[in-house]
Amino acid sequence: MSVFIDLAENRPPADGAEHRQTNISYEDVTEGGSPATYEYDLLPSGALRVLRTGRGEAAAVDTVYAPGMWFRVSGKWHGGTE
């Protein structure tokens, strides 16, 4: 399963503010020589980590988003499914 992130700019805007649609997705790679899946977890600080896992490999951190940068996330929780 892929990971889909709505960044903080996706929150409903304050009165009179301009609304910006900003999403990021990490799509699983199923073809080619190195298939990979993306998962996420949260650090105690509230930071969001996106992890890339390959066949027979340990999960590696791909990207980290600070607590104030992301609004909502869906996809596969590292260690289970959401």
Protein backbone atom coordinates (compact mmCIF):
# COMPACT_ATOMS: atom_id res chain seq x y z
CA MET A 1 0.00 0.00 0.00
CA SER A 2 1.23 3.48 -0.75
CA VAL A 3 1.41 6.43 1.65
CA PHE A 4 -0.63 9.59 0.99
CA ILE A 5 0.07 12.82 2.87
CA ASP A 6 -1.95 16.03 3.04
CA LEU A 7 0.43 18.82 3.95
CA ALA A 8 -0.52 21.54 6.43
CA GLU A 9 -1.54 23.86 3.58
CA ASN A 10 -4.52 21.53 2.99
CA ARG A 11 -6.20 22.56 6.24
CA PRO A 12 -9.33 24.64 5.80
CA PRO A 13 -8.13 28.22 5.35
CA ALA A 14 -8.81 31.01 7.83
CA ASP A 15 -11.35 33.60 6.74
CA GLY A 16 -10.05 35.47 3.72
CA ALA A 17 -7.00 33.26 3.27
CA GLU A 18 -6.20 31.61 -0.03
CA HIS A 19 -6.75 27.83 -0.12
CA ARG A 20 -3.90 25.75 -1.52
CA GLN A 21 -4.25 22.05 -2.31
CA THR A 22 -0.99 20.28 -1.50
CA ASN A 23 -0.70 16.51 -1.33
CA ILE A 24 2.22 14.15 -1.66
CA SER A 25 2.06 10.46 -2.40
CA TYR A 26 4.68 7.75 -2.19
CA GLU A 27 3.62 5.04 -4.61
CA ASP A 28 4.72 1.44 -4.17
CA VAL A 29 7.07 0.18 -6.87
CA THR A 30 6.01 -3.28 -8.03
CA GLU A 31 7.97 -3.62 -11.27
CA GLY A 32 11.64 -3.69 -12.07
CA GLY A 33 14.66 -5.04 -10.26
CA SER A 34 14.01 -3.53 -6.83
CA PRO A 35 10.36 -3.57 -5.75
CA ALA A 36 9.62 -1.36 -2.74
CA THR A 37 6.72 -0.44 -0.53
CA TYR A 38 6.21 2.70 1.53
CA GLU A 39 5.02 2.80 5.12
CA TYR A 40 4.84 5.54 7.73
CA ASP A 41 5.17 6.01 11.46
CA LEU A 42 5.15 8.88 13.92
CA LEU A 43 7.93 9.95 16.24
CA PRO A 44 7.15 11.08 19.81
CA SER A 45 7.71 14.68 18.65
CA GLY A 46 4.83 14.37 16.17
CA ALA A 47 7.16 14.20 13.18
CA LEU A 48 5.97 11.93 10.37
CA ARG A 49 8.47 9.46 8.90
CA VAL A 50 8.02 7.79 5.51
CA LEU A 51 9.92 4.51 5.31
CA ARG A 52 10.86 2.54 2.22
CA THR A 53 11.06 -1.23 2.50
CA GLY A 54 12.40 -3.59 -0.11
CA ARG A 55 12.18 -7.34 -0.45
CA GLY A 56 14.37 -8.87 2.23
CA GLU A 57 15.64 -5.46 3.39
CA ALA A 58 15.12 -3.53 6.60
CA ALA A 59 13.00 -0.37 6.43
CA ALA A 60 14.98 2.79 5.65
CA VAL A 61 13.84 6.35 6.32
CA ASP A 62 12.97 8.02 3.02
CA THR A 63 11.58 11.36 4.26
CA VAL A 64 10.69 13.11 7.52
CA TYR A 65 8.03 15.83 7.88
CA ALA A 66 8.10 18.16 10.89
CA PRO A 67 4.96 18.14 13.10
CA GLY A 68 3.65 21.41 11.65
CA MET A 69 4.19 20.40 8.02
CA TRP A 70 1.57 17.66 7.67
CA PHE A 71 -2.15 17.59 8.37
CA ARG A 72 -3.36 14.08 7.53
CA VAL A 73 -1.80 10.78 6.42
CA SER A 74 -3.16 7.47 5.18
CA GLY A 75 -1.60 4.27 3.98
CA LYS A 76 0.29 1.47 5.67
CA TRP A 77 1.41 2.06 9.25
CA HIS A 78 4.89 0.64 9.83
CA GLY A 79 4.15 -2.60 11.66
CA GLY A 80 0.49 -2.94 10.59
CA THR A 81 -2.25 -1.41 8.47
CA GLU A 82 -4.36 1.64 9.21
